[in-house]
Amino acid sequence: MNDKFLNLLGMCRKAGKCATGFEASIAALHARKAAAVFWADDISPKTVKELRFHAGGQNILYPIAYTKAQIGASVGINAGIIAILDTGFAGKALSLKEELSI
């Protein structure tokens, strides 16, 4: 894997600064611990709709142009949604998303 964004997700996971999967991300949103939530482009529209509902006005949801398999390979868990809990990691992820146009 030679992608800066996916490498950052892997580092975030190793540091324990993210929640992976739908349920964990929803819990992070409800606890207002999520700094940014990213979802794969191959998750269902219904899941995205539920994610937006649970965000409840928090403007921290971002689609990314990666598949669940690519995200899963970077974090070590098959997940299409990842919530970053650390503001530093979230800021870097957002700048990489913009820089790489993903």
PDB file of N, CA and C in Angstrom:
ATOM      1  N   MET A   1       0.851  -1.174   0.000  1.00  0.00           N
ATOM      2  CA  MET A   1       0.000   0.000   0.000  1.00  0.00           C
ATOM      3  C   MET A   1       0.900   1.242   0.000  1.00  0.00           C
ATOM      4  N   ASN A   2       0.739   2.046  -1.016  1.00  0.00           N
ATOM      5  CA  ASN A   2       1.574   3.237  -1.135  1.00  0.00           C
ATOM      6  C   ASN A   2       0.688   4.470  -1.298  1.00  0.00           C
ATOM      7  N   ASP A   3      -0.313   4.587  -0.461  1.00  0.00           N
ATOM      8  CA  ASP A   3      -1.240   5.700  -0.528  1.00  0.00           C
ATOM      9  C   ASP A   3      -1.193   6.448   0.801  1.00  0.00           C
ATOM     10  N   LYS A   4      -0.930   7.734   0.755  1.00  0.00           N
ATOM     11  CA  LYS A   4      -0.772   8.526   1.981  1.00  0.00           C
ATOM     12  C   LYS A   4      -2.023   8.496   2.854  1.00  0.00           C
ATOM     13  N   PHE A   5      -3.196   8.605   2.231  1.00  0.00           N
ATOM     14  CA  PHE A   5      -4.440   8.635   3.003  1.00  0.00           C
ATOM     15  C   PHE A   5      -4.673   7.307   3.712  1.00  0.00           C
ATOM     16  N   LEU A   6      -4.531   6.211   2.982  1.00  0.00           N
ATOM     17  CA  LEU A   6      -4.739   4.906   3.587  1.00  0.00           C
ATOM     18  C   LEU A   6      -3.686   4.606   4.651  1.00  0.00           C
ATOM     19  N   ASN A   7      -2.448   5.055   4.413  1.00  0.00           N
ATOM     20  CA  ASN A   7      -1.403   4.889   5.428  1.00  0.00           C
ATOM     21  C   ASN A   7      -1.764   5.650   6.700  1.00  0.00           C
ATOM     22  N   LEU A   8      -2.328   6.848   6.538  1.00  0.00           N
ATOM     23  CA  LEU A   8      -2.745   7.635   7.695  1.00  0.00           C
ATOM     24  C   LEU A   8      -3.847   6.916   8.469  1.00  0.00           C
ATOM     25  N   LEU A   9      -4.794   6.311   7.756  1.00  0.00           N
ATOM     26  CA  LEU A   9      -5.844   5.552   8.440  1.00  0.00           C
ATOM     27  C   LEU A   9      -5.249   4.396   9.236  1.00  0.00           C
ATOM     28  N   GLY A  10      -4.251   3.727   8.665  1.00  0.00           N
ATOM     29  CA  GLY A  10      -3.578   2.644   9.372  1.00  0.00           C
ATOM     30  C   GLY A  10      -2.872   3.129  10.629  1.00  0.00           C
ATOM     31  N   MET A  11      -2.194   4.263  10.532  1.00  0.00           N
ATOM     32  CA  MET A  11      -1.520   4.835  11.705  1.00  0.00           C
ATOM     33  C   MET A  11      -2.537   5.232  12.774  1.00  0.00           C
ATOM     34  N   CYS A  12      -3.641   5.783  12.339  1.00  0.00           N
ATOM     35  CA  CYS A  12      -4.702   6.187  13.252  1.00  0.00           C
ATOM     36  C   CYS A  12      -5.244   4.964  14.004  1.00  0.00           C
ATOM     37  N   ARG A  13      -5.431   3.888  13.294  1.00  0.00           N
ATOM     38  CA  ARG A  13      -5.925   2.643  13.905  1.00  0.00           C
ATOM     39  C   ARG A  13      -4.913   2.102  14.917  1.00  0.00           C
ATOM     40  N   LYS A  14      -3.639   2.093  14.541  1.00  0.00           N
ATOM     41  CA  LYS A  14      -2.605   1.592  15.441  1.00  0.00           C
ATOM     42  C   LYS A  14      -2.485   2.453  16.698  1.00  0.00           C
ATOM     43  N   ALA A  15      -2.744   3.744  16.564  1.00  0.00           N
ATOM     44  CA  ALA A  15      -2.673   4.666  17.699  1.00  0.00           C
ATOM     45  C   ALA A  15      -3.933   4.586  18.571  1.00  0.00           C
ATOM     46  N   GLY A  16      -4.940   3.874  18.109  1.00  0.00           N
ATOM     47  CA  GLY A  16      -6.183   3.764  18.867  1.00  0.00           C
ATOM     48  C   GLY A  16      -7.030   5.012  18.815  1.00  0.00           C
ATOM     49  N   LYS A  17      -6.890   5.775  17.747  1.00  0.00           N
ATOM     50  CA  LYS A  17      -7.590   7.051  17.614  1.00  0.00           C
ATOM     51  C   LYS A  17      -8.704   7.005  16.576  1.00  0.00           C
ATOM     52  N   CYS A  18      -9.289   5.821  16.358  1.00  0.00           N
ATOM     53  CA  CYS A  18     -10.394   5.740  15.416  1.00  0.00           C
ATOM     54  C   CYS A  18     -11.381   4.667  15.857  1.00  0.00           C
ATOM     55  N   ALA A  19     -12.584   4.764  15.317  1.00  0.00           N
ATOM     56  CA  ALA A  19     -13.621   3.764  15.507  1.00  0.00           C
ATOM     57  C   ALA A  19     -13.947   3.236  14.119  1.00  0.00           C
ATOM     58  N   THR A  20     -13.917   1.924  13.940  1.00  0.00           N
ATOM     59  CA  THR A  20     -14.155   1.345  12.622  1.00  0.00           C
ATOM     60  C   THR A  20     -15.481   0.601  12.595  1.00  0.00           C
ATOM     61  N   GLY A  21     -16.164   0.731  11.484  1.00  0.00           N
ATOM     62  CA  GLY A  21     -17.444   0.069  11.302  1.00  0.00           C
ATOM     63  C   GLY A  21     -18.605   0.979  11.643  1.00  0.00           C
ATOM     64  N   PHE A  22     -19.787   0.552  11.233  1.00  0.00           N
ATOM     65  CA  PHE A  22     -20.988   1.367  11.392  1.00  0.00           C
ATOM     66  C   PHE A  22     -21.325   1.608  12.859  1.00  0.00           C
ATOM     67  N   GLU A  23     -21.446   0.551  13.638  1.00  0.00           N
ATOM     68  CA  GLU A  23     -21.872   0.677  15.035  1.00  0.00           C
ATOM     69  C   GLU A  23     -20.894   1.519  15.856  1.00  0.00           C
ATOM     70  N   ALA A  24     -19.608   1.262  15.698  1.00  0.00           N
ATOM     71  CA  ALA A  24     -18.605   2.018  16.459  1.00  0.00           C
ATOM     72  C   ALA A  24     -18.596   3.483  16.049  1.00  0.00           C
ATOM     73  N   SER A  25     -18.772   3.748  14.770  1.00  0.00           N
ATOM     74  CA  SER A  25     -18.802   5.135  14.293  1.00  0.00           C
ATOM     75  C   SER A  25     -20.037   5.863  14.798  1.00  0.00           C
ATOM     76  N   ILE A  26     -21.169   5.174  14.819  1.00  0.00           N
ATOM     77  CA  ILE A  26     -22.408   5.763  15.344  1.00  0.00           C
ATOM     78  C   ILE A  26     -22.238   6.092  16.823  1.00  0.00           C
ATOM     79  N   ALA A  27     -21.627   5.179  17.569  1.00  0.00           N
ATOM     80  CA  ALA A  27     -21.387   5.427  18.997  1.00  0.00           C
ATOM     81  C   ALA A  27     -20.489   6.646  19.190  1.00  0.00           C
ATOM     82  N   ALA A  28     -19.467   6.779  18.353  1.00  0.00           N
ATOM     83  CA  ALA A  28     -18.568   7.937  18.435  1.00  0.00           C
ATOM     84  C   ALA A  28     -19.309   9.226  18.092  1.00  0.00           C
ATOM     85  N   LEU A  29     -20.210   9.173  17.114  1.00  0.00           N
ATOM     86  CA  LEU A  29     -21.006  10.350  16.759  1.00  0.00           C
ATOM     87  C   LEU A  29     -21.920  10.762  17.911  1.00  0.00           C
ATOM     88  N   HIS A  30     -22.595   9.785  18.512  1.00  0.00           N
ATOM     89  CA  HIS A  30     -23.510  10.096  19.609  1.00  0.00           C
ATOM     90  C   HIS A  30     -22.774  10.643  20.829  1.00  0.00           C
ATOM     91  N   ALA A  31     -21.572  10.151  21.064  1.00  0.00           N
ATOM     92  CA  ALA A  31     -20.775  10.626  22.196  1.00  0.00           C
ATOM     93  C   ALA A  31     -20.053  11.930  21.867  1.00  0.00           C
ATOM     94  N   ARG A  32     -20.187  12.374  20.619  1.00  0.00           N
ATOM     95  CA  ARG A  32     -19.513  13.585  20.114  1.00  0.00           C
ATOM     96  C   ARG A  32     -17.994  13.489  20.263  1.00  0.00           C
ATOM     97  N   LYS A  33     -17.483  12.278  20.044  1.00  0.00           N
ATOM     98  CA  LYS A  33     -16.039  12.053  20.103  1.00  0.00           C
ATOM     99  C   LYS A  33     -15.409  12.039  18.715  1.00  0.00           C
ATOM    100  N   ALA A  34     -16.215  11.912  17.683  1.00  0.00           N
ATOM    101  CA  ALA A  34     -15.696  11.835  16.316  1.00  0.00           C
ATOM    102  C   ALA A  34     -15.308  13.224  15.816  1.00  0.00           C
ATOM    103  N   ALA A  35     -14.098  13.310  15.281  1.00  0.00           N
ATOM    104  CA  ALA A  35     -13.646  14.569  14.682  1.00  0.00           C
ATOM    105  C   ALA A  35     -13.942  14.575  13.185  1.00  0.00           C
ATOM    106  N   ALA A  36     -13.943  13.408  12.563  1.00  0.00           N
ATOM    107  CA  ALA A  36     -14.278  13.256  11.141  1.00  0.00           C
ATOM    108  C   ALA A  36     -14.702  11.811  10.913  1.00  0.00           C
ATOM    109  N   VAL A  37     -15.679  11.623  10.038  1.00  0.00           N
ATOM    110  CA  VAL A  37     -16.150  10.281   9.695  1.00  0.00           C
ATOM    111  C   VAL A  37     -16.072  10.136   8.178  1.00  0.00           C
ATOM    112  N   PHE A  38     -15.379   9.101   7.722  1.00  0.00           N
ATOM    113  CA  PHE A  38     -15.219   8.839   6.297  1.00  0.00           C
ATOM    114  C   PHE A  38     -15.932   7.545   5.938  1.00  0.00           C
ATOM    115  N   TRP A  39     -16.533   7.512   4.735  1.00  0.00           N
ATOM    116  CA  TRP A  39     -17.150   6.273   4.291  1.00  0.00           C
ATOM    117  C   TRP A  39     -16.714   5.931   2.878  1.00  0.00           C
ATOM    118  N   ALA A  40     -16.659   4.623   2.624  1.00  0.00           N
ATOM    119  CA  ALA A  40     -16.237   4.086   1.330  1.00  0.00           C
ATOM    120  C   ALA A  40     -17.305   4.356   0.280  1.00  0.00           C
ATOM    121  N   ASP A  41     -16.862   4.414  -0.969  1.00  0.00           N
ATOM    122  CA  ASP A  41     -17.823   4.712  -2.040  1.00  0.00           C
ATOM    123  C   ASP A  41     -18.699   3.522  -2.413  1.00  0.00           C
ATOM    124  N   ASP A  42     -18.439   2.344  -1.830  1.00  0.00           N
ATOM    125  CA  ASP A  42     -19.255   1.187  -2.165  1.00  0.00           C
ATOM    126  C   ASP A  42     -20.175   0.739  -1.024  1.00  0.00           C
ATOM    127  N   ILE A  43     -20.408   1.602  -0.022  1.00  0.00           N
ATOM    128  CA  ILE A  43     -21.413   1.247   0.976  1.00  0.00           C
ATOM    129  C   ILE A  43     -22.777   1.673   0.448  1.00  0.00           C
ATOM    130  N   SER A  44     -23.810   1.083   1.006  1.00  0.00           N
ATOM    131  CA  SER A  44     -25.151   1.316   0.463  1.00  0.00           C
ATOM    132  C   SER A  44     -25.651   2.728   0.776  1.00  0.00           C
ATOM    133  N   PRO A  45     -26.495   3.257  -0.109  1.00  0.00           N
ATOM    134  CA  PRO A  45     -27.091   4.578   0.131  1.00  0.00           C
ATOM    135  C   PRO A  45     -27.903   4.613   1.425  1.00  0.00           C
ATOM    136  N   LYS A  46     -28.512   3.484   1.789  1.00  0.00           N
ATOM    137  CA  LYS A  46     -29.281   3.416   3.035  1.00  0.00           C
ATOM    138  C   LYS A  46     -28.358   3.604   4.239  1.00  0.00           C
ATOM    139  N   THR A  47     -27.187   3.017   4.189  1.00  0.00           N
ATOM    140  CA  THR A  47     -26.222   3.168   5.282  1.00  0.00           C
ATOM    141  C   THR A  47     -25.756   4.613   5.382  1.00  0.00           C
ATOM    142  N   VAL A  48     -25.510   5.247   4.256  1.00  0.00           N
ATOM    143  CA  VAL A  48     -25.111   6.664   4.249  1.00  0.00           C
ATOM    144  C   VAL A  48     -26.221   7.523   4.841  1.00  0.00           C
ATOM    145  N   LYS A  49     -27.470   7.222   4.484  1.00  0.00           N
ATOM    146  CA  LYS A  49     -28.618   7.972   5.007  1.00  0.00           C
ATOM    147  C   LYS A  49     -28.694   7.822   6.530  1.00  0.00           C
ATOM    148  N   GLU A  50     -28.512   6.601   7.035  1.00  0.00           N
ATOM    149  CA  GLU A  50     -28.537   6.376   8.474  1.00  0.00           C
ATOM    150  C   GLU A  50     -27.378   7.095   9.165  1.00  0.00           C
ATOM    151  N   LEU A  51     -26.227   7.081   8.530  1.00  0.00           N
ATOM    152  CA  LEU A  51     -25.055   7.762   9.081  1.00  0.00           C
ATOM    153  C   LEU A  51     -25.337   9.260   9.211  1.00  0.00           C
ATOM    154  N   ARG A  52     -25.910   9.841   8.183  1.00  0.00           N
ATOM    155  CA  ARG A  52     -26.255  11.270   8.217  1.00  0.00           C
ATOM    156  C   ARG A  52     -27.288  11.568   9.295  1.00  0.00           C
ATOM    157  N   PHE A  53     -28.251  10.665   9.460  1.00  0.00           N
ATOM    158  CA  PHE A  53     -29.267  10.841  10.498  1.00  0.00           C
ATOM    159  C   PHE A  53     -28.611  10.870  11.878  1.00  0.00           C
ATOM    160  N   HIS A  54     -27.728   9.915  12.132  1.00  0.00           N
ATOM    161  CA  HIS A  54     -27.082   9.822  13.444  1.00  0.00           C
ATOM    162  C   HIS A  54     -26.086  10.954  13.687  1.00  0.00           C
ATOM    163  N   ALA A  55     -25.593  11.570  12.626  1.00  0.00           N
ATOM    164  CA  ALA A  55     -24.672  12.696  12.792  1.00  0.00           C
ATOM    165  C   ALA A  55     -25.401  13.890  13.389  1.00  0.00           C
ATOM    166  N   GLY A  56     -26.688  13.986  13.152  1.00  0.00           N
ATOM    167  CA  GLY A  56     -27.510  15.008  13.785  1.00  0.00           C
ATOM    168  C   GLY A  56     -26.992  16.424  13.656  1.00  0.00           C
ATOM    169  N   GLY A  57     -26.644  16.831  12.480  1.00  0.00           N
ATOM    170  CA  GLY A  57     -26.200  18.203  12.275  1.00  0.00           C
ATOM    171  C   GLY A  57     -24.698  18.415  12.414  1.00  0.00           C
ATOM    172  N   GLN A  58     -23.975  17.407  12.886  1.00  0.00           N
ATOM    173  CA  GLN A  58     -22.518  17.528  12.934  1.00  0.00           C
ATOM    174  C   GLN A  58     -22.008  17.482  11.497  1.00  0.00           C
ATOM    175  N   ASN A  59     -21.294  18.469  11.083  1.00  0.00           N
ATOM    176  CA  ASN A  59     -20.809  18.563   9.710  1.00  0.00           C
ATOM    177  C   ASN A  59     -19.412  17.943   9.599  1.00  0.00           C
ATOM    178  N   ILE A  60     -19.328  16.643   9.869  1.00  0.00           N
ATOM    179  CA  ILE A  60     -18.029  15.966   9.892  1.00  0.00           C
ATOM    180  C   ILE A  60     -18.030  14.688   9.057  1.00  0.00           C
ATOM    181  N   LEU A  61     -18.982  14.532   8.143  1.00  0.00           N
ATOM    182  CA  LEU A  61     -19.103  13.324   7.324  1.00  0.00           C
ATOM    183  C   LEU A  61     -18.516  13.562   5.942  1.00  0.00           C
ATOM    184  N   TYR A  62     -17.672  12.624   5.493  1.00  0.00           N
ATOM    185  CA  TYR A  62     -16.986  12.798   4.213  1.00  0.00           C
ATOM    186  C   TYR A  62     -16.928  11.479   3.438  1.00  0.00           C
ATOM    187  N   PRO A  63     -17.389  11.492   2.185  1.00  0.00           N
ATOM    188  CA  PRO A  63     -17.198  10.309   1.339  1.00  0.00           C
ATOM    189  C   PRO A  63     -15.760  10.286   0.817  1.00  0.00           C
ATOM    190  N   ILE A  64     -15.236   9.097   0.629  1.00  0.00           N
ATOM    191  CA  ILE A  64     -13.901   8.964   0.051  1.00  0.00           C
ATOM    192  C   ILE A  64     -13.950   7.947  -1.085  1.00  0.00           C
ATOM    193  N   ALA A  65     -13.080   8.116  -2.042  1.00  0.00           N
ATOM    194  CA  ALA A  65     -13.073   7.283  -3.248  1.00  0.00           C
ATOM    195  C   ALA A  65     -12.242   6.023  -3.050  1.00  0.00           C
ATOM    196  N   TYR A  66     -12.571   5.284  -2.009  1.00  0.00           N
ATOM    197  CA  TYR A  66     -11.931   3.992  -1.747  1.00  0.00           C
ATOM    198  C   TYR A  66     -13.028   2.980  -1.487  1.00  0.00           C
ATOM    199  N   THR A  67     -12.717   1.714  -1.700  1.00  0.00           N
ATOM    200  CA  THR A  67     -13.677   0.647  -1.428  1.00  0.00           C
ATOM    201  C   THR A  67     -13.521   0.170   0.010  1.00  0.00           C
ATOM    202  N   LYS A  68     -14.507  -0.611   0.458  1.00  0.00           N
ATOM    203  CA  LYS A  68     -14.431  -1.205   1.793  1.00  0.00           C
ATOM    204  C   LYS A  68     -13.188  -2.073   1.911  1.00  0.00           C
ATOM    205  N   ALA A  69     -12.854  -2.784   0.850  1.00  0.00           N
ATOM    206  CA  ALA A  69     -11.678  -3.659   0.880  1.00  0.00           C
ATOM    207  C   ALA A  69     -10.395  -2.861   1.052  1.00  0.00           C
ATOM    208  N   GLN A  70     -10.295  -1.724   0.376  1.00  0.00           N
ATOM    209  CA  GLN A  70      -9.095  -0.884   0.499  1.00  0.00           C
ATOM    210  C   GLN A  70      -8.973  -0.304   1.905  1.00  0.00           C
ATOM    211  N   ILE A  71     -10.082   0.174   2.446  1.00  0.00           N
ATOM    212  CA  ILE A  71     -10.057   0.705   3.809  1.00  0.00           C
ATOM    213  C   ILE A  71      -9.741  -0.412   4.790  1.00  0.00           C
ATOM    214  N   GLY A  72     -10.371  -1.547   4.592  1.00  0.00           N
ATOM    215  CA  GLY A  72     -10.131  -2.691   5.467  1.00  0.00           C
ATOM    216  C   GLY A  72      -8.686  -3.143   5.462  1.00  0.00           C
ATOM    217  N   ALA A  73      -8.065  -3.120   4.297  1.00  0.00           N
ATOM    218  CA  ALA A  73      -6.655  -3.506   4.205  1.00  0.00           C
ATOM    219  C   ALA A  73      -5.769  -2.516   4.953  1.00  0.00           C
ATOM    220  N   SER A  74      -6.149  -1.261   4.979  1.00  0.00           N
ATOM    221  CA  SER A  74      -5.310  -0.254   5.644  1.00  0.00           C
ATOM    222  C   SER A  74      -5.459  -0.281   7.161  1.00  0.00           C
ATOM    223  N   VAL A  75      -6.651  -0.618   7.662  1.00  0.00           N
ATOM    224  CA  VAL A  75      -6.865  -0.601   9.112  1.00  0.00           C
ATOM    225  C   VAL A  75      -6.894  -1.985   9.739  1.00  0.00           C
ATOM    226  N   GLY A  76      -6.885  -3.022   8.918  1.00  0.00           N
ATOM    227  CA  GLY A  76      -6.855  -4.381   9.443  1.00  0.00           C
ATOM    228  C   GLY A  76      -8.205  -4.944   9.826  1.00  0.00           C
ATOM    229  N   ILE A  77      -9.281  -4.251   9.489  1.00  0.00           N
ATOM    230  CA  ILE A  77     -10.643  -4.706   9.770  1.00  0.00           C
ATOM    231  C   ILE A  77     -11.490  -4.400   8.547  1.00  0.00           C
ATOM    232  N   ASN A  78     -12.352  -5.333   8.156  1.00  0.00           N
ATOM    233  CA  ASN A  78     -13.222  -5.094   7.009  1.00  0.00           C
ATOM    234  C   ASN A  78     -14.298  -4.090   7.422  1.00  0.00           C
ATOM    235  N   ALA A  79     -14.103  -2.829   7.034  1.00  0.00           N
ATOM    236  CA  ALA A  79     -15.042  -1.772   7.413  1.00  0.00           C
ATOM    237  C   ALA A  79     -15.140  -0.749   6.302  1.00  0.00           C
ATOM    238  N   GLY A  80     -16.346  -0.253   6.090  1.00  0.00           N
ATOM    239  CA  GLY A  80     -16.554   0.779   5.078  1.00  0.00           C
ATOM    240  C   GLY A  80     -16.704   2.159   5.667  1.00  0.00           C
ATOM    241  N   ILE A  81     -16.753   2.226   7.001  1.00  0.00           N
ATOM    242  CA  ILE A  81     -16.890   3.509   7.691  1.00  0.00           C
ATOM    243  C   ILE A  81     -15.815   3.577   8.767  1.00  0.00           C
ATOM    244  N   ILE A  82     -15.162   4.729   8.847  1.00  0.00           N
ATOM    245  CA  ILE A  82     -14.153   4.927   9.884  1.00  0.00           C
ATOM    246  C   ILE A  82     -14.313   6.325  10.465  1.00  0.00           C
ATOM    247  N   ALA A  83     -14.419   6.377  11.787  1.00  0.00           N
ATOM    248  CA  ALA A  83     -14.529   7.655  12.502  1.00  0.00           C
ATOM    249  C   ALA A  83     -13.185   7.943  13.148  1.00  0.00           C
ATOM    250  N   ILE A  84     -12.611   9.078  12.830  1.00  0.00           N
ATOM    251  CA  ILE A  84     -11.346   9.487  13.438  1.00  0.00           C
ATOM    252  C   ILE A  84     -11.669  10.312  14.674  1.00  0.00           C
ATOM    253  N   LEU A  85     -11.088   9.919  15.798  1.00  0.00           N
ATOM    254  CA  LEU A  85     -11.413  10.522  17.087  1.00  0.00           C
ATOM    255  C   LEU A  85     -10.461  11.639  17.498  1.00  0.00           C
ATOM    256  N   ASP A  86      -9.345  11.754  16.839  1.00  0.00           N
ATOM    257  CA  ASP A  86      -8.317  12.727  17.177  1.00  0.00           C
ATOM    258  C   ASP A  86      -8.357  13.886  16.183  1.00  0.00           C
ATOM    259  N   THR A  87      -8.363  15.113  16.677  1.00  0.00           N
ATOM    260  CA  THR A  87      -8.458  16.271  15.784  1.00  0.00           C
ATOM    261  C   THR A  87      -7.219  16.431  14.899  1.00  0.00           C
ATOM    262  N   GLY A  88      -6.059  16.048  15.399  1.00  0.00           N
ATOM    263  CA  GLY A  88      -4.838  16.131  14.595  1.00  0.00           C
ATOM    264  C   GLY A  88      -4.878  15.176  13.414  1.00  0.00           C
ATOM    265  N   PHE A  89      -5.247  13.907  13.690  1.00  0.00           N
ATOM    266  CA  PHE A  89      -5.380  12.938  12.609  1.00  0.00           C
ATOM    267  C   PHE A  89      -6.473  13.362  11.638  1.00  0.00           C
ATOM    268  N   ALA A  90      -7.583  13.870  12.168  1.00  0.00           N
ATOM    269  CA  ALA A  90      -8.702  14.284  11.312  1.00  0.00           C
ATOM    270  C   ALA A  90      -8.293  15.431  10.397  1.00  0.00           C
ATOM    271  N   GLY A  91      -7.581  16.399  10.939  1.00  0.00           N
ATOM    272  CA  GLY A  91      -7.121  17.527  10.120  1.00  0.00           C
ATOM    273  C   GLY A  91      -6.188  17.082   9.012  1.00  0.00           C
ATOM    274  N   LYS A  92      -5.272  16.185   9.338  1.00  0.00           N
ATOM    275  CA  LYS A  92      -4.338  15.672   8.330  1.00  0.00           C
ATOM    276  C   LYS A  92      -5.095  14.870   7.272  1.00  0.00           C
ATOM    277  N   ALA A  93      -6.064  14.057   7.704  1.00  0.00           N
ATOM    278  CA  ALA A  93      -6.852  13.264   6.758  1.00  0.00           C
ATOM    279  C   ALA A  93      -7.624  14.166   5.802  1.00  0.00           C
ATOM    280  N   LEU A  94      -8.200  15.233   6.329  1.00  0.00           N
ATOM    281  CA  LEU A  94      -8.957  16.158   5.476  1.00  0.00           C
ATOM    282  C   LEU A  94      -8.045  16.890   4.497  1.00  0.00           C
ATOM    283  N   SER A  95      -6.847  17.268   4.941  1.00  0.00           N
ATOM    284  CA  SER A  95      -5.927  17.937   4.015  1.00  0.00           C
ATOM    285  C   SER A  95      -5.443  16.967   2.936  1.00  0.00           C
ATOM    286  N   LEU A  96      -5.215  15.694   3.302  1.00  0.00           N
ATOM    287  CA  LEU A  96      -4.823  14.698   2.301  1.00  0.00           C
ATOM    288  C   LEU A  96      -5.974  14.419   1.340  1.00  0.00           C
ATOM    289  N   LYS A  97      -7.201  14.382   1.858  1.00  0.00           N
ATOM    290  CA  LYS A  97      -8.371  14.152   0.997  1.00  0.00           C
ATOM    291  C   LYS A  97      -8.448  15.238  -0.069  1.00  0.00           C
ATOM    292  N   GLU A  98      -8.216  16.474   0.344  1.00  0.00           N
ATOM    293  CA  GLU A  98      -8.249  17.587  -0.589  1.00  0.00           C
ATOM    294  C   GLU A  98      -7.059  17.536  -1.548  1.00  0.00           C
ATOM    295  N   GLU A  99      -5.877  17.263  -1.001  1.00  0.00           N
ATOM    296  CA  GLU A  99      -4.658  17.226  -1.809  1.00  0.00           C
ATOM    297  C   GLU A  99      -4.710  16.129  -2.877  1.00  0.00           C
ATOM    298  N   LEU A 100      -5.231  14.957  -2.486  1.00  0.00           N
ATOM    299  CA  LEU A 100      -5.278  13.812  -3.404  1.00  0.00           C
ATOM    300  C   LEU A 100      -6.570  13.759  -4.216  1.00  0.00           C
ATOM    301  N   SER A 101      -7.489  14.667  -3.936  1.00  0.00           N
ATOM    302  CA  SER A 101      -8.799  14.716  -4.612  1.00  0.00           C
ATOM    303  C   SER A 101      -9.536  13.393  -4.518  1.00  0.00           C
ATOM    304  N   ILE A 102      -9.666  12.912  -3.308  1.00  0.00           N
ATOM    305  CA  ILE A 102     -10.375  11.640  -3.098  1.00  0.00           C
ATOM    306  C   ILE A 102     -11.705  11.851  -2.417  1.00  0.00           C
TER     307      ILE A 102
END
